[in-house]
Amino acid sequence: MSQTMQSAPPKDPLTIAEEWLKDGKEVAIATVIETWGSAPRPIGSHLVINKDGLFEGSVSGGCVEGAVVTEAADVIADGKPRLLEFGVADETAWEVGLSCGGRIKVYVERLG
């Protein structure tokens, strides 16, 4: 008789952020606040990042998330929130891989 193993569903990024904060880690959260056209993730999507560079969740995909993680490290360091915009009309869109014809705005803030 074979037994099928099911993997646990992924944890909510907000729950992970709460756990990190309880463990005394410095944390930033990135939230998709606006989309236009073809966007990989809907408004309200979250990516949480801690000072150690660990992250969970998703606000876009590919290199866009790498850019958001980099900005989040600065937000953790200086405590100043940032509004990031990525879109096909933006020269950086091609650099970070958002060439799908859409645009997203991501708000990054420090928690705790």
N, C-alpha and C. Protein backbone atom coordinates (compact mmCIF):
# COMPACT_ATOMS: atom_id res chain seq x y z
N MET A 1 0.84 -1.16 0.00
CA MET A 1 0.00 0.00 0.00
C MET A 1 0.89 1.24 0.00
N SER A 2 0.73 2.08 -0.99
CA SER A 2 1.56 3.29 -1.07
C SER A 2 0.84 4.45 -0.41
N GLN A 3 1.65 5.32 0.14
CA GLN A 3 1.09 6.49 0.80
C GLN A 3 1.58 7.74 0.07
N THR A 4 0.67 8.60 -0.31
CA THR A 4 1.04 9.82 -1.01
C THR A 4 1.36 10.90 0.01
N MET A 5 2.53 11.53 -0.17
CA MET A 5 2.92 12.60 0.73
C MET A 5 2.54 13.92 0.08
N GLN A 6 1.89 14.77 0.83
CA GLN A 6 1.54 16.08 0.33
C GLN A 6 2.42 17.10 1.03
N SER A 7 2.92 18.03 0.25
CA SER A 7 3.74 19.08 0.86
C SER A 7 2.82 20.10 1.52
N ALA A 8 3.33 20.70 2.57
CA ALA A 8 2.55 21.71 3.28
C ALA A 8 2.38 22.93 2.39
N PRO A 9 1.25 23.59 2.49
CA PRO A 9 1.08 24.81 1.70
C PRO A 9 2.08 25.86 2.14
N PRO A 10 2.49 26.73 1.22
CA PRO A 10 3.47 27.76 1.61
C PRO A 10 2.88 28.68 2.67
N LYS A 11 3.75 29.12 3.58
CA LYS A 11 3.31 30.04 4.62
C LYS A 11 3.06 31.42 4.04
N ASP A 12 2.11 32.12 4.63
CA ASP A 12 1.82 33.48 4.24
C ASP A 12 3.02 34.37 4.59
N PRO A 13 3.45 35.24 3.67
CA PRO A 13 4.59 36.10 3.95
C PRO A 13 4.41 36.96 5.21
N LEU A 14 3.17 37.37 5.50
CA LEU A 14 2.93 38.19 6.68
C LEU A 14 3.17 37.39 7.96
N THR A 15 2.83 36.11 7.94
CA THR A 15 3.09 35.23 9.08
C THR A 15 4.59 35.06 9.28
N ILE A 16 5.30 34.91 8.18
CA ILE A 16 6.76 34.77 8.25
C ILE A 16 7.39 36.05 8.80
N ALA A 17 6.92 37.21 8.34
CA ALA A 17 7.43 38.49 8.86
C ALA A 17 7.20 38.58 10.36
N GLU A 18 6.03 38.17 10.82
CA GLU A 18 5.72 38.19 12.25
C GLU A 18 6.68 37.29 13.03
N GLU A 19 6.96 36.10 12.49
CA GLU A 19 7.90 35.18 13.14
C GLU A 19 9.30 35.79 13.21
N TRP A 20 9.74 36.40 12.12
CA TRP A 20 11.06 37.03 12.10
C TRP A 20 11.14 38.15 13.14
N LEU A 21 10.09 38.96 13.22
CA LEU A 21 10.08 40.06 14.19
C LEU A 21 10.14 39.52 15.62
N LYS A 22 9.40 38.44 15.89
CA LYS A 22 9.43 37.81 17.22
C LYS A 22 10.82 37.29 17.55
N ASP A 23 11.56 36.88 16.51
CA ASP A 23 12.93 36.38 16.69
C ASP A 23 13.95 37.51 16.78
N GLY A 24 13.48 38.75 16.73
CA GLY A 24 14.37 39.90 16.86
C GLY A 24 15.07 40.32 15.58
N LYS A 25 14.58 39.82 14.45
CA LYS A 25 15.20 40.18 13.16
C LYS A 25 14.60 41.49 12.65
N GLU A 26 15.40 42.25 11.93
CA GLU A 26 14.91 43.47 11.27
C GLU A 26 14.28 43.06 9.95
N VAL A 27 13.10 43.63 9.68
CA VAL A 27 12.29 43.17 8.55
C VAL A 27 11.73 44.34 7.75
N ALA A 28 11.68 44.16 6.43
CA ALA A 28 10.99 45.09 5.54
C ALA A 28 9.92 44.30 4.79
N ILE A 29 8.88 45.02 4.38
CA ILE A 29 7.84 44.39 3.59
C ILE A 29 7.63 45.22 2.32
N ALA A 30 7.52 44.52 1.21
CA ALA A 30 7.23 45.15 -0.08
C ALA A 30 5.83 44.72 -0.48
N THR A 31 5.01 45.70 -0.90
CA THR A 31 3.62 45.45 -1.25
C THR A 31 3.33 46.04 -2.62
N VAL A 32 2.71 45.25 -3.49
CA VAL A 32 2.26 45.77 -4.78
C VAL A 32 1.06 46.68 -4.49
N ILE A 33 1.19 47.96 -4.85
CA ILE A 33 0.10 48.90 -4.56
C ILE A 33 -0.63 49.36 -5.82
N GLU A 34 -0.05 49.11 -6.99
CA GLU A 34 -0.70 49.50 -8.24
C GLU A 34 -0.16 48.65 -9.37
N THR A 35 -1.05 48.29 -10.30
CA THR A 35 -0.63 47.57 -11.51
C THR A 35 -1.33 48.19 -12.70
N TRP A 36 -0.75 47.99 -13.84
CA TRP A 36 -1.35 48.42 -15.09
C TRP A 36 -0.92 47.45 -16.17
N GLY A 37 -1.84 47.04 -17.00
CA GLY A 37 -1.51 46.12 -18.09
C GLY A 37 -1.19 44.73 -17.57
N SER A 38 -0.23 44.13 -18.20
CA SER A 38 0.16 42.76 -17.86
C SER A 38 1.13 42.78 -16.69
N ALA A 39 0.63 42.47 -15.50
CA ALA A 39 1.46 42.44 -14.29
C ALA A 39 1.47 41.03 -13.73
N PRO A 40 2.64 40.54 -13.33
CA PRO A 40 2.74 39.15 -12.86
C PRO A 40 2.04 38.86 -11.54
N ARG A 41 1.87 39.86 -10.67
CA ARG A 41 1.24 39.65 -9.36
C ARG A 41 0.19 40.73 -9.13
N PRO A 42 -0.91 40.39 -8.45
CA PRO A 42 -1.98 41.37 -8.22
C PRO A 42 -1.65 42.37 -7.10
N ILE A 43 -2.43 43.44 -7.06
CA ILE A 43 -2.33 44.41 -5.97
C ILE A 43 -2.52 43.67 -4.65
N GLY A 44 -1.70 44.04 -3.67
CA GLY A 44 -1.77 43.41 -2.35
C GLY A 44 -0.78 42.27 -2.16
N SER A 45 -0.09 41.88 -3.22
CA SER A 45 0.92 40.83 -3.08
C SER A 45 2.08 41.34 -2.23
N HIS A 46 2.67 40.45 -1.42
CA HIS A 46 3.74 40.84 -0.50
C HIS A 46 5.01 40.04 -0.70
N LEU A 47 6.11 40.71 -0.43
CA LEU A 47 7.44 40.08 -0.34
C LEU A 47 8.02 40.61 0.97
N VAL A 48 8.41 39.71 1.86
CA VAL A 48 9.04 40.13 3.11
C VAL A 48 10.52 39.78 3.05
N ILE A 49 11.33 40.67 3.61
CA ILE A 49 12.78 40.55 3.52
C ILE A 49 13.35 40.83 4.90
N ASN A 50 14.33 40.02 5.34
CA ASN A 50 14.96 40.35 6.62
C ASN A 50 16.40 40.80 6.40
N LYS A 51 17.00 41.30 7.48
CA LYS A 51 18.34 41.89 7.38
C LYS A 51 19.38 40.88 6.89
N ASP A 52 19.12 39.59 7.11
CA ASP A 52 20.05 38.55 6.67
C ASP A 52 19.95 38.27 5.17
N GLY A 53 19.00 38.93 4.50
CA GLY A 53 18.84 38.74 3.06
C GLY A 53 17.87 37.63 2.70
N LEU A 54 17.23 37.01 3.70
CA LEU A 54 16.23 35.99 3.41
C LEU A 54 14.94 36.69 3.00
N PHE A 55 14.20 36.08 2.07
CA PHE A 55 12.93 36.67 1.65
C PHE A 55 11.92 35.59 1.33
N GLU A 56 10.66 35.94 1.48
CA GLU A 56 9.54 35.04 1.21
C GLU A 56 8.43 35.85 0.56
N GLY A 57 7.67 35.19 -0.31
CA GLY A 57 6.57 35.84 -0.99
C GLY A 57 6.99 36.26 -2.38
N SER A 58 6.17 37.11 -3.00
CA SER A 58 6.46 37.55 -4.36
C SER A 58 5.70 38.82 -4.70
N VAL A 59 6.39 39.74 -5.36
CA VAL A 59 5.73 40.95 -5.88
C VAL A 59 5.79 41.02 -7.40
N SER A 60 6.61 40.18 -8.01
CA SER A 60 6.69 40.20 -9.46
C SER A 60 7.30 38.91 -9.97
N GLY A 61 8.58 38.82 -9.91
CA GLY A 61 9.29 37.67 -10.42
C GLY A 61 10.61 38.11 -11.02
N GLY A 62 11.46 37.16 -11.22
CA GLY A 62 12.74 37.43 -11.88
C GLY A 62 13.54 38.53 -11.24
N CYS A 63 14.12 39.34 -12.08
CA CYS A 63 15.05 40.38 -11.63
C CYS A 63 14.36 41.53 -10.90
N VAL A 64 13.05 41.71 -11.12
CA VAL A 64 12.33 42.76 -10.40
C VAL A 64 12.43 42.47 -8.90
N GLU A 65 12.23 41.24 -8.51
CA GLU A 65 12.32 40.90 -7.10
C GLU A 65 13.72 41.11 -6.57
N GLY A 66 14.72 40.85 -7.37
CA GLY A 66 16.09 41.13 -6.94
C GLY A 66 16.30 42.60 -6.65
N ALA A 67 15.74 43.46 -7.51
CA ALA A 67 15.84 44.90 -7.30
C ALA A 67 15.09 45.32 -6.04
N VAL A 68 13.93 44.72 -5.78
CA VAL A 68 13.14 45.04 -4.60
C VAL A 68 13.89 44.60 -3.33
N VAL A 69 14.50 43.42 -3.36
CA VAL A 69 15.27 42.94 -2.20
C VAL A 69 16.43 43.89 -1.91
N THR A 70 17.11 44.36 -2.94
CA THR A 70 18.22 45.31 -2.78
C THR A 70 17.73 46.59 -2.13
N GLU A 71 16.61 47.13 -2.62
CA GLU A 71 16.04 48.35 -2.03
C GLU A 71 15.59 48.11 -0.60
N ALA A 72 15.05 46.93 -0.33
CA ALA A 72 14.58 46.60 1.02
C ALA A 72 15.74 46.62 2.02
N ALA A 73 16.92 46.20 1.59
CA ALA A 73 18.09 46.24 2.48
C ALA A 73 18.39 47.68 2.87
N ASP A 74 18.24 48.61 1.94
CA ASP A 74 18.44 50.03 2.25
C ASP A 74 17.35 50.55 3.19
N VAL A 75 16.12 50.11 2.98
CA VAL A 75 15.01 50.51 3.84
C VAL A 75 15.25 50.02 5.27
N ILE A 76 15.71 48.80 5.42
CA ILE A 76 16.02 48.27 6.75
C ILE A 76 17.13 49.11 7.39
N ALA A 77 18.12 49.46 6.60
CA ALA A 77 19.27 50.20 7.13
C ALA A 77 18.92 51.62 7.56
N ASP A 78 18.15 52.34 6.72
CA ASP A 78 17.90 53.76 7.05
C ASP A 78 16.48 54.05 7.54
N GLY A 79 15.59 53.06 7.48
CA GLY A 79 14.23 53.25 7.99
C GLY A 79 13.33 54.08 7.11
N LYS A 80 13.82 54.52 5.95
CA LYS A 80 13.01 55.37 5.06
C LYS A 80 12.30 54.51 4.02
N PRO A 81 10.96 54.59 3.97
CA PRO A 81 10.23 53.80 2.97
C PRO A 81 10.54 54.28 1.56
N ARG A 82 10.28 53.42 0.59
CA ARG A 82 10.53 53.74 -0.80
C ARG A 82 9.33 53.31 -1.65
N LEU A 83 9.06 54.09 -2.68
CA LEU A 83 8.06 53.72 -3.67
C LEU A 83 8.82 53.40 -4.96
N LEU A 84 8.72 52.17 -5.39
CA LEU A 84 9.43 51.71 -6.57
C LEU A 84 8.43 51.50 -7.70
N GLU A 85 8.86 51.86 -8.91
CA GLU A 85 8.00 51.65 -10.07
C GLU A 85 8.79 50.94 -11.15
N PHE A 86 8.19 49.90 -11.70
CA PHE A 86 8.80 49.15 -12.78
C PHE A 86 7.79 49.06 -13.91
N GLY A 87 8.23 49.36 -15.12
CA GLY A 87 7.31 49.28 -16.24
C GLY A 87 8.05 49.23 -17.55
N VAL A 88 7.35 48.82 -18.59
CA VAL A 88 7.97 48.64 -19.90
C VAL A 88 8.46 49.96 -20.48
N ALA A 89 7.84 51.08 -20.10
CA ALA A 89 8.29 52.37 -20.62
C ALA A 89 9.54 52.86 -19.91
N ASP A 90 9.82 52.26 -18.79
CA ASP A 90 10.96 52.65 -17.98
C ASP A 90 12.19 51.89 -18.49
N GLU A 91 13.28 52.59 -18.67
CA GLU A 91 14.51 51.95 -19.15
C GLU A 91 14.92 50.79 -18.25
N THR A 92 14.66 50.92 -16.94
CA THR A 92 15.05 49.85 -16.02
C THR A 92 14.18 48.61 -16.19
N ALA A 93 13.03 48.74 -16.83
CA ALA A 93 12.17 47.57 -17.01
C ALA A 93 12.90 46.48 -17.77
N TRP A 94 13.63 46.86 -18.79
CA TRP A 94 14.38 45.85 -19.55
C TRP A 94 15.52 45.30 -18.73
N GLU A 95 16.13 46.17 -17.91
CA GLU A 95 17.24 45.71 -17.07
C GLU A 95 16.78 44.70 -16.04
N VAL A 96 15.59 44.92 -15.46
CA VAL A 96 15.12 44.02 -14.41
C VAL A 96 14.13 42.98 -14.90
N GLY A 97 13.82 42.97 -16.18
CA GLY A 97 13.03 41.88 -16.74
C GLY A 97 11.52 42.06 -16.75
N LEU A 98 11.00 43.29 -16.66
CA LEU A 98 9.56 43.50 -16.74
C LEU A 98 9.21 44.04 -18.12
N SER A 99 9.47 43.23 -19.11
CA SER A 99 9.22 43.66 -20.48
C SER A 99 7.90 43.10 -21.01
N CYS A 100 6.99 42.74 -20.10
CA CYS A 100 5.72 42.11 -20.49
C CYS A 100 4.67 43.11 -20.92
N GLY A 101 4.98 44.39 -20.88
CA GLY A 101 4.02 45.39 -21.29
C GLY A 101 3.25 46.00 -20.14
N GLY A 102 3.54 45.59 -18.93
CA GLY A 102 2.83 46.10 -17.77
C GLY A 102 3.65 47.07 -16.95
N ARG A 103 3.03 47.50 -15.86
CA ARG A 103 3.72 48.40 -14.95
C ARG A 103 3.25 48.06 -13.54
N ILE A 104 4.17 48.11 -12.59
CA ILE A 104 3.79 47.89 -11.20
C ILE A 104 4.44 48.95 -10.32
N LYS A 105 3.74 49.27 -9.22
CA LYS A 105 4.30 50.12 -8.18
C LYS A 105 4.38 49.26 -6.92
N VAL A 106 5.54 49.33 -6.27
CA VAL A 106 5.78 48.54 -5.06
C VAL A 106 6.22 49.48 -3.95
N TYR A 107 5.52 49.41 -2.83
CA TYR A 107 5.88 50.22 -1.66
C TYR A 107 6.66 49.35 -0.70
N VAL A 108 7.83 49.83 -0.30
CA VAL A 108 8.71 49.07 0.60
C VAL A 108 8.87 49.84 1.90
N GLU A 109 8.56 49.18 3.03
CA GLU A 109 8.68 49.84 4.33
C GLU A 109 9.25 48.89 5.36
N ARG A 110 9.84 49.47 6.37
CA ARG A 110 10.41 48.68 7.47
C ARG A 110 9.31 48.37 8.47
N LEU A 111 9.35 47.18 9.05
CA LEU A 111 8.40 46.79 10.06
C LEU A 111 9.08 46.82 11.43
N GLY A 112 8.25 47.00 12.44
CA GLY A 112 8.76 46.92 13.82
C GLY A 112 9.37 48.17 14.36
